[in-house]
Amino acid sequence: MDEILIDITKYLPHRSPMLMVDMILIMDDEKVETIFEINNDNIFIQNNTFTEVGLIENAAQTCSSIVAKDYFVDVNNQVRKDVDVVGFISAIKTLKVYKLPKAGDSIRTIATLVSKFVTNEYSLCTMNCKTFHEEELLLEGEINLFIQKNNSKH
C-alpha cells in the first residue's frame, strides 16, 4: 500500500494542544498508520521526554480515527462538518511501554482493528496498536475505544 498523507483533523475533533497525531499515512477500514513529531512545547513533555500518557493518547487518537471515520465521512467520501462526537478509551486491555521518545523525535503508530460494534448512536472497538521511533518499538497494546454522537446540544 502506498503512503498518502491525510489530515487527521478531518476524522477527529481533537485540536491543539491535545492533538497527538500530525497526519494519517495510511487508512482503510481495518488499519491506520500515523506520524507525529513531538515538539519541545508539547503538553506531555517532561525533562525533554514524551511521557507514557502522551504515547497512550497518540495511540488512542490513531486508533479512534478508524471509528470516527464512520461519523466524519459520508458514503460519497465527503467530509461532514455537522458532526459532533465524543470519544474516550473505555479499557486498556494490555499495554507495554518499552522506551519513551524525546522531544524532537517523530513517532509512527500502526493500529489494526480487532473488533467493532456500531449502532446509529455509538461505536465500540478493540484495536491492537504499536508505536515506533524509527524501527524501535516504543509501545504495544490493545485498547477499547468508545465513540458516540454528542446529543447534549439540543
Protein backbone atom coordinates (compact mmCIF):
# COMPACT_ATOMS: atom_id res chain seq x y z
CA MET A 1 0.00 0.00 0.00
CA ASP A 2 1.40 3.41 -0.95
CA GLU A 3 1.62 6.14 1.66
CA ILE A 4 -0.75 9.06 1.25
CA LEU A 5 -0.95 11.92 3.70
CA ILE A 6 -4.40 12.55 5.19
CA ASP A 7 -5.21 15.41 7.55
CA ILE A 8 -6.34 13.72 10.79
CA THR A 9 -8.37 16.76 11.84
CA LYS A 10 -10.93 15.63 9.25
CA TYR A 11 -11.52 12.48 11.33
CA LEU A 12 -11.04 13.62 14.93
CA PRO A 13 -12.42 16.55 16.92
CA HIS A 14 -9.08 16.98 18.76
CA ARG A 15 -7.19 20.24 18.32
CA SER A 16 -4.03 21.73 19.81
CA PRO A 17 -2.80 21.26 22.50
CA MET A 18 -4.46 17.79 22.71
CA LEU A 19 -3.85 16.71 19.11
CA MET A 20 -1.18 13.98 19.30
CA VAL A 21 -1.15 12.98 15.62
CA ASP A 22 0.07 15.13 12.73
CA MET A 23 -1.03 13.13 9.70
CA ILE A 24 -2.50 9.80 8.68
CA LEU A 25 -0.16 7.95 6.33
CA ILE A 26 -2.44 5.01 5.51
CA MET A 27 -6.04 4.29 6.44
CA ASP A 28 -8.58 1.71 5.37
CA ASP A 29 -11.42 0.06 7.28
CA GLU A 30 -9.11 -2.16 9.35
CA LYS A 31 -5.71 -0.46 9.62
CA VAL A 32 -4.37 3.02 10.19
CA GLU A 33 -0.82 4.36 10.33
CA THR A 34 0.00 7.84 11.63
CA ILE A 35 3.01 10.07 12.22
CA PHE A 36 3.60 12.59 14.97
CA GLU A 37 6.53 14.92 15.54
CA ILE A 38 6.98 15.59 19.24
CA ASN A 39 7.62 19.30 19.70
CA ASN A 40 9.50 20.76 22.68
CA ASP A 41 6.38 22.60 23.84
CA ASN A 42 4.10 19.52 23.84
CA ILE A 43 1.98 19.32 26.99
CA PHE A 44 3.24 15.78 27.63
CA ILE A 45 6.95 16.67 27.61
CA GLN A 46 8.74 16.33 30.93
CA ASN A 47 12.53 16.71 31.16
CA ASN A 48 12.79 16.61 27.34
CA THR A 49 10.96 13.23 27.27
CA PHE A 50 7.50 12.40 25.91
CA THR A 51 5.59 10.77 28.79
CA GLU A 52 3.66 7.49 28.86
CA VAL A 53 0.39 9.45 28.86
CA GLY A 54 1.41 11.16 25.63
CA LEU A 55 2.22 7.82 24.00
CA ILE A 56 -1.15 6.41 25.08
CA GLU A 57 -3.02 9.48 23.81
CA ASN A 58 -1.19 9.20 20.47
CA ALA A 59 -2.18 5.51 20.21
CA ALA A 60 -5.80 6.25 21.17
CA GLN A 61 -6.12 9.04 18.60
CA THR A 62 -4.58 6.82 15.93
CA CYS A 63 -6.99 4.00 16.78
CA SER A 64 -10.07 6.18 17.04
CA SER A 65 -9.58 7.69 13.58
CA ILE A 66 -10.89 4.44 12.04
CA VAL A 67 -14.04 4.51 14.17
CA ALA A 68 -14.51 8.27 13.89
CA LYS A 69 -14.21 8.00 10.11
CA ASP A 70 -17.69 6.43 10.08
CA TYR A 71 -19.09 9.65 11.55
CA PHE A 72 -16.96 12.26 9.76
CA VAL A 73 -17.05 10.88 6.20
CA ASP A 74 -20.26 10.16 4.28
CA VAL A 75 -20.88 7.37 1.76
CA ASN A 76 -19.54 9.60 -1.05
CA ASN A 77 -16.24 10.01 0.84
CA GLN A 78 -17.07 13.66 1.61
CA VAL A 79 -16.17 15.17 4.98
CA ARG A 80 -19.21 16.04 7.07
CA LYS A 81 -18.91 19.29 9.03
CA ASP A 82 -22.10 18.92 11.08
CA VAL A 83 -20.78 16.06 13.22
CA ASP A 84 -20.30 16.33 16.97
CA VAL A 85 -18.91 13.21 18.65
CA VAL A 86 -17.20 12.42 21.91
CA GLY A 87 -14.82 9.53 22.36
CA PHE A 88 -12.70 8.02 25.07
CA ILE A 89 -10.65 5.00 25.98
CA SER A 90 -13.07 2.59 27.65
CA ALA A 91 -10.43 -0.01 28.58
CA ILE A 92 -6.75 -0.71 28.23
CA LYS A 93 -6.61 -4.47 27.83
CA THR A 94 -2.82 -4.77 27.56
CA LEU A 95 -0.12 -2.14 27.37
CA LYS A 96 3.66 -2.30 27.38
CA VAL A 97 5.86 0.77 27.15
CA TYR A 98 9.42 -0.18 26.24
CA LYS A 99 11.00 3.24 25.80
CA LEU A 100 9.98 6.90 25.83
CA PRO A 101 10.84 9.13 22.88
CA LYS A 102 12.49 12.53 23.23
CA ALA A 103 11.34 15.98 22.20
CA GLY A 104 12.13 16.38 18.52
CA ASP A 105 11.57 12.70 17.71
CA SER A 106 8.98 11.58 15.16
CA ILE A 107 6.91 8.57 16.06
CA ARG A 108 4.89 6.26 13.81
CA THR A 109 1.87 4.43 15.19
CA ILE A 110 0.16 1.48 13.50
CA ALA A 111 -3.26 0.31 14.69
CA THR A 112 -5.23 -2.68 13.49
CA LEU A 113 -8.90 -3.31 14.14
CA VAL A 114 -9.63 -6.43 16.20
CA SER A 115 -13.40 -5.96 16.56
CA LYS A 116 -16.00 -3.24 16.08
CA PHE A 117 -19.63 -2.81 17.11
CA VAL A 118 -21.54 0.10 15.55
CA THR A 119 -25.04 1.49 16.13
CA ASN A 120 -26.63 4.75 14.98
CA GLU A 121 -25.61 6.40 18.25
CA TYR A 122 -22.24 4.91 19.20
CA SER A 123 -19.30 2.73 18.20
CA LEU A 124 -17.19 0.44 20.34
CA CYS A 125 -13.99 -1.08 19.02
CA THR A 126 -10.95 -3.04 20.12
CA MET A 127 -7.64 -2.13 18.48
CA ASN A 128 -4.11 -3.52 18.52
CA CYS A 129 -1.52 -0.76 18.34
CA LYS A 130 2.24 -0.38 18.09
CA THR A 131 4.28 2.81 18.22
CA PHE A 132 7.80 3.15 16.82
CA HIS A 133 10.62 5.68 16.73
CA GLU A 134 12.41 4.79 13.54
CA GLU A 135 12.41 0.96 13.77
CA GLU A 136 12.49 0.76 17.58
CA LEU A 137 9.27 -0.44 19.25
CA LEU A 138 8.20 2.04 21.94
CA LEU A 139 4.70 0.86 22.86
CA GLU A 140 2.37 -2.02 22.09
CA GLY A 141 -1.03 -2.89 23.40
CA GLU A 142 -4.70 -3.49 22.90
CA ILE A 143 -7.27 -0.84 23.79
CA ASN A 144 -11.03 -0.43 23.65
CA LEU A 145 -12.47 2.85 22.41
CA PHE A 146 -15.98 4.22 22.75
CA ILE A 147 -17.24 6.96 20.42
CA GLN A 148 -20.75 8.37 20.50
CA LYS A 149 -22.71 11.19 18.95
CA ASN A 150 -22.93 14.16 21.27
CA ASN A 151 -26.64 14.69 21.77
CA SER A 152 -26.29 17.30 24.51
CA LYS A 153 -26.68 20.20 22.03
CA HIS A 154 -30.45 20.33 21.69
